[in-house]
Amino acid sequence: MGQQRGPETVRDRFWLWGHTAGSHDEEWNLPGPSLITPVEAANYLGIPNLLMIRYNGRPQMPYDQLTIPMRTLSRTGWGITGARGETSTDEREHVLDLASRTPNISGLVMDDFINWDTGEPELTLADLRDLDQRRQLPDRTLDLMTILYTHQLNIDISEHLEYCNQISLWTWHASDLSKLDANMSRLDAIAPEHQRFVGCYMWDLGPRAPMPLDPFKRQCEQSLEWLVSGRIAGMVFLASCYCDLELDTVEWLRGWIKTVGDHTL
């Protein structure tokens, strides 16, 4: 996939949410175990960009060796909070150091930034102020993406969002995808200056069941319209560890990306 060349295409705005192989095997009622790595999954789908997120303590630090196969990708983002908001000073320090030595790391990601039980952010304003200074590298400024779920749109984190430049919006239950336009309008009002991304689940995590294909298609097609019009900056597809399970959503997405991915923006 290599580095971006020529005019920007739709594909250049697609990101794959990456977990280590088999991360979701135990909890989510998947049809079988997964063996595919994040880079293999990105190549299978034809997506040039990857967000690498820790899940249940995996991967373990140091992450340096994991970045070697990721050199084939255009851009990577690394989690500084993992699933369920897991974070530590050591992890943040390591990821910042890794980014300083890895040219295609373009950003940092705060997964599950708002604690589902308390409704409070996982990082303090002081933490974010420190990150705001340190993501200014000599050759580039790292993006800082926070994850926000549609059911969290009423929680006021406006002060925290001042230190982020990207927000990825996720709909936890497929049954709520019919409200996507309304929820995106709410996000537009909350964060009009941020780069906004639509998160697309390939498995319905709310009920731990297959993602219905028709709502998934509509979400992708609607989000593509928003991408072309400039309303959103990109789309994120979750997760890499579903990509060898022959899910209908994965196989449809692979074909769809082949069809639309090379259209210029």
Protein backbone atom coordinates (compact mmCIF):
# COMPACT_ATOMS: atom_id res chain seq x y z
CA MET A 1 0.00 0.00 0.00
CA GLY A 2 2.93 2.34 0.67
CA GLN A 3 2.82 6.09 1.07
CA GLN A 4 0.15 8.22 -0.52
CA ARG A 5 0.84 9.29 -4.12
CA GLY A 6 -1.01 11.62 -6.47
CA PRO A 7 -4.51 13.03 -5.88
CA GLU A 8 -6.22 12.03 -2.65
CA THR A 9 -8.76 9.25 -3.02
CA VAL A 10 -11.69 7.96 -0.98
CA ARG A 11 -9.50 5.04 0.11
CA ASP A 12 -7.01 7.46 1.68
CA ARG A 13 -9.73 8.48 4.18
CA PHE A 14 -10.54 4.92 5.27
CA TRP A 15 -9.10 3.52 8.49
CA LEU A 16 -9.19 0.02 9.98
CA TRP A 17 -9.57 -0.40 13.73
CA GLY A 18 -6.83 -2.83 14.71
CA HIS A 19 -6.61 -5.37 17.53
CA THR A 20 -4.19 -8.25 17.92
CA ALA A 21 -5.37 -11.51 16.36
CA GLY A 22 -8.17 -13.20 18.30
CA SER A 23 -8.85 -10.26 20.61
CA HIS A 24 -12.64 -10.66 20.42
CA ASP A 25 -12.73 -14.47 20.44
CA GLU A 26 -13.95 -14.87 24.02
CA GLU A 27 -16.57 -12.19 24.63
CA TRP A 28 -18.56 -11.31 21.56
CA ASN A 29 -20.26 -14.47 20.29
CA LEU A 30 -18.31 -14.52 17.04
CA PRO A 31 -18.73 -17.53 14.71
CA GLY A 32 -15.18 -18.74 15.33
CA PRO A 33 -11.67 -17.80 16.40
CA SER A 34 -9.75 -15.23 14.40
CA LEU A 35 -6.11 -15.59 13.36
CA ILE A 36 -5.66 -12.54 11.13
CA THR A 37 -3.23 -9.78 12.11
CA PRO A 38 -4.10 -6.09 11.75
CA VAL A 39 -1.79 -5.56 8.77
CA GLU A 40 -3.12 -8.68 7.04
CA ALA A 41 -6.66 -7.43 7.60
CA ALA A 42 -5.86 -3.97 6.24
CA ASN A 43 -4.38 -5.50 3.11
CA TYR A 44 -7.34 -7.88 2.72
CA LEU A 45 -9.83 -5.00 2.81
CA GLY A 46 -7.68 -2.62 0.77
CA ILE A 47 -7.46 -0.01 3.54
CA PRO A 48 -4.17 1.93 3.79
CA ASN A 49 -4.53 3.31 7.33
CA LEU A 50 -4.68 1.56 10.70
CA LEU A 51 -5.61 2.52 14.25
CA MET A 52 -3.88 0.11 16.64
CA ILE A 53 -5.72 -0.23 19.95
CA ARG A 54 -4.86 -2.32 23.00
CA TYR A 55 -7.56 -4.78 24.08
CA ASN A 56 -7.55 -6.70 27.37
CA GLY A 57 -3.88 -5.90 27.85
CA ARG A 58 -2.85 -6.97 24.34
CA PRO A 59 -0.48 -6.18 22.78
CA GLN A 60 2.00 -5.82 25.59
CA MET A 61 4.68 -3.17 25.51
CA PRO A 62 7.10 -2.58 23.93
CA TYR A 63 5.30 -2.08 20.62
CA ASP A 64 8.38 -1.45 18.48
CA GLN A 65 8.43 -4.77 16.63
CA LEU A 66 4.73 -4.50 15.80
CA THR A 67 5.41 -1.35 13.81
CA ILE A 68 7.72 -3.16 11.36
CA PRO A 69 4.98 -4.73 9.16
CA MET A 70 3.03 -1.48 9.54
CA ARG A 71 5.67 0.27 7.44
CA THR A 72 3.67 -0.91 4.41
CA LEU A 73 0.73 1.26 5.50
CA SER A 74 0.27 4.94 4.72
CA ARG A 75 -0.62 6.08 8.24
CA THR A 76 -1.03 4.50 11.63
CA GLY A 77 -2.59 5.82 14.82
CA TRP A 78 -1.77 4.33 18.22
CA GLY A 79 -4.02 4.07 21.23
CA ILE A 80 -3.00 5.90 24.37
CA THR A 81 -6.12 4.59 26.07
CA GLY A 82 -7.24 1.08 25.22
CA ALA A 83 -10.57 -0.72 25.37
CA ARG A 84 -12.54 0.18 28.50
CA GLY A 85 -10.30 3.21 28.86
CA GLU A 86 -7.25 1.29 30.05
CA THR A 87 -4.32 3.69 30.20
CA SER A 88 -1.12 4.39 32.06
CA THR A 89 1.62 7.00 32.12
CA ASP A 90 4.08 4.34 30.95
CA GLU A 91 1.98 3.51 27.90
CA ARG A 92 1.53 7.15 26.93
CA GLU A 93 5.27 7.76 27.29
CA HIS A 94 6.08 4.71 25.19
CA VAL A 95 3.66 5.61 22.39
CA LEU A 96 4.97 9.19 22.22
CA ASP A 97 8.53 7.89 22.02
CA LEU A 98 7.51 5.35 19.39
CA ALA A 99 5.85 8.08 17.32
CA SER A 100 8.99 10.20 17.44
CA ARG A 101 10.90 7.31 15.83
CA THR A 102 8.24 6.03 13.41
CA PRO A 103 7.46 8.36 10.49
CA ASN A 104 4.08 6.90 9.53
CA ILE A 105 2.55 7.22 13.00
CA SER A 106 0.28 10.18 12.36
CA GLY A 107 -1.81 10.30 15.50
CA LEU A 108 -2.91 9.13 18.93
CA VAL A 109 -6.28 7.58 19.82
CA MET A 110 -8.25 7.65 23.08
CA ASP A 111 -10.56 4.63 23.00
CA ASP A 112 -13.50 4.56 25.45
CA PHE A 113 -12.43 8.01 26.58
CA ILE A 114 -15.58 8.47 28.66
CA ASN A 115 -15.87 5.78 31.33
CA TRP A 116 -19.09 3.84 30.72
CA ASP A 117 -19.78 3.43 34.44
CA THR A 118 -18.93 6.89 35.79
CA GLY A 119 -19.45 9.08 32.73
CA GLU A 120 -16.10 10.73 33.49
CA PRO A 121 -13.17 11.12 31.07
CA GLU A 122 -10.30 8.69 31.52
CA LEU A 123 -7.67 11.43 31.19
CA THR A 124 -7.63 14.69 33.12
CA LEU A 125 -7.33 18.15 31.63
CA ALA A 126 -3.76 18.23 32.96
CA ASP A 127 -3.00 15.00 31.10
CA LEU A 128 -4.43 16.47 27.91
CA ARG A 129 -2.51 19.72 28.29
CA ASP A 130 0.69 17.71 28.57
CA LEU A 131 -0.23 15.69 25.46
CA ASP A 132 -1.06 18.87 23.59
CA GLN A 133 2.51 20.06 24.01
CA ARG A 134 4.16 16.74 23.35
CA ARG A 135 2.32 15.78 20.18
CA GLN A 136 4.15 18.62 18.44
CA LEU A 137 7.05 16.69 16.89
CA PRO A 138 9.90 18.28 14.94
CA ASP A 139 8.55 17.07 11.60
CA ARG A 140 4.79 16.84 12.21
CA THR A 141 1.96 17.34 14.67
CA LEU A 142 0.28 14.15 15.84
CA ASP A 143 -3.50 14.09 15.61
CA LEU A 144 -5.43 13.31 18.79
CA MET A 145 -8.66 11.38 18.23
CA THR A 146 -11.23 10.71 20.91
CA ILE A 147 -13.90 8.05 20.63
CA LEU A 148 -17.45 9.15 21.36
CA TYR A 149 -20.57 6.99 21.34
CA THR A 150 -23.97 8.29 20.30
CA HIS A 151 -25.36 7.53 23.77
CA GLN A 152 -22.68 9.84 25.26
CA LEU A 153 -23.55 12.94 23.25
CA ASN A 154 -25.30 14.52 26.25
CA ILE A 155 -22.15 14.36 28.41
CA ASP A 156 -20.34 17.69 28.48
CA ILE A 157 -16.65 17.16 27.74
CA SER A 158 -16.22 20.46 25.91
CA GLU A 159 -13.13 21.42 27.92
CA HIS A 160 -11.48 18.12 27.10
CA LEU A 161 -12.34 18.37 23.43
CA GLU A 162 -10.35 21.60 23.20
CA TYR A 163 -7.21 19.43 23.28
CA CYS A 164 -8.38 17.02 20.55
CA ASN A 165 -8.64 17.69 16.84
CA GLN A 166 -10.50 14.51 15.81
CA ILE A 167 -13.67 12.77 17.02
CA SER A 168 -14.86 9.35 15.91
CA LEU A 169 -18.60 8.75 16.47
CA TRP A 170 -19.84 5.19 17.09
CA THR A 171 -23.33 3.68 17.25
CA TRP A 172 -23.24 0.82 19.77
CA HIS A 173 -26.51 -0.85 18.67
CA ALA A 174 -27.25 -1.41 14.97
CA SER A 175 -30.90 -0.71 15.76
CA ASP A 176 -29.88 2.94 16.38
CA LEU A 177 -28.26 3.44 12.97
CA SER A 178 -31.54 4.92 11.72
CA LYS A 179 -30.66 7.94 13.92
CA LEU A 180 -27.20 8.39 12.41
CA ASP A 181 -28.00 11.62 10.58
CA ALA A 182 -29.58 13.17 13.67
CA ASN A 183 -26.68 12.08 15.85
CA MET A 184 -24.15 13.44 13.39
CA SER A 185 -25.99 16.75 13.44
CA ARG A 186 -25.63 16.77 17.23
CA LEU A 187 -21.91 16.14 16.86
CA ASP A 188 -21.67 18.90 14.23
CA ALA A 189 -23.10 21.30 16.81
CA ILE A 190 -20.87 20.07 19.63
CA ALA A 191 -17.61 20.10 17.68
CA PRO A 192 -17.94 22.09 14.45
CA GLU A 193 -14.19 22.72 14.14
CA HIS A 194 -13.06 19.14 14.74
CA GLN A 195 -12.33 16.56 12.08
CA ARG A 196 -15.24 14.14 12.45
CA PHE A 197 -15.18 10.44 11.57
CA VAL A 198 -17.94 7.84 11.39
CA GLY A 199 -17.21 4.56 13.13
CA CYS A 200 -18.65 1.50 11.37
CA TYR A 201 -18.99 -1.78 13.27
CA MET A 202 -18.79 -4.95 11.21
CA TRP A 203 -20.30 -6.94 14.12
CA ASP A 204 -23.22 -5.66 16.22
CA LEU A 205 -21.50 -5.34 19.59
CA GLY A 206 -24.58 -4.20 21.49
CA PRO A 207 -26.45 -7.53 21.24
CA ARG A 208 -23.24 -9.47 20.36
CA ALA A 209 -24.76 -10.62 17.12
CA PRO A 210 -24.14 -10.36 13.36
CA MET A 211 -24.38 -6.83 12.02
CA PRO A 212 -27.45 -6.68 9.73
CA LEU A 213 -26.11 -6.09 6.26
CA ASP A 214 -28.64 -3.53 5.01
CA PRO A 215 -28.12 -1.00 7.84
CA PHE A 216 -24.38 -1.47 7.48
CA LYS A 217 -24.57 -0.74 3.75
CA ARG A 218 -26.69 2.36 4.35
CA GLN A 219 -24.26 3.62 6.98
CA CYS A 220 -21.30 3.18 4.63
CA GLU A 221 -23.05 4.79 1.68
CA GLN A 222 -24.37 7.72 3.73
CA SER A 223 -20.96 8.26 5.29
CA LEU A 224 -19.33 8.24 1.86
CA GLU A 225 -21.68 11.03 0.78
CA TRP A 226 -20.65 13.03 3.85
CA LEU A 227 -16.99 12.32 3.13
CA VAL A 228 -17.26 13.56 -0.45
CA SER A 229 -19.17 16.67 0.66
CA GLY A 230 -16.62 17.44 3.38
CA ARG A 231 -18.97 16.93 6.32
CA ILE A 232 -16.70 14.20 7.73
CA ALA A 233 -12.97 13.61 7.42
CA GLY A 234 -13.03 9.83 7.24
CA MET A 235 -14.51 6.46 8.13
CA VAL A 236 -13.22 3.84 10.58
CA PHE A 237 -14.14 0.15 10.27
CA LEU A 238 -14.05 -2.14 13.34
CA ALA A 239 -12.33 -4.49 13.67
CA SER A 240 -9.35 -6.21 12.08
CA CYS A 241 -9.99 -9.38 14.09
CA TYR A 242 -13.25 -10.01 12.19
CA CYS A 243 -11.68 -10.06 8.75
CA ASP A 244 -11.01 -13.80 8.48
CA LEU A 245 -14.44 -14.94 9.70
CA GLU A 246 -16.28 -14.59 6.35
CA LEU A 247 -18.82 -12.18 7.81
CA ASP A 248 -21.28 -10.75 5.29
CA THR A 249 -20.32 -7.22 6.32
CA VAL A 250 -16.60 -7.83 5.82
CA GLU A 251 -17.03 -9.40 2.40
CA TRP A 252 -19.46 -6.70 1.22
CA LEU A 253 -17.11 -3.99 2.52
CA ARG A 254 -14.16 -5.50 0.66
CA GLY A 255 -16.05 -5.38 -2.62
CA TRP A 256 -17.41 -1.89 -1.93
CA ILE A 257 -13.93 -0.52 -1.25
CA LYS A 258 -12.75 -1.99 -4.56
CA THR A 259 -15.60 -0.10 -6.26
CA VAL A 260 -15.36 3.30 -4.54
CA GLY A 261 -11.86 3.39 -3.07
CA ASP A 262 -10.02 4.91 -6.03
CA HIS A 263 -12.49 7.75 -6.64
CA THR A 264 -10.69 11.06 -6.19
CA LEU A 265 -11.79 13.65 -3.66
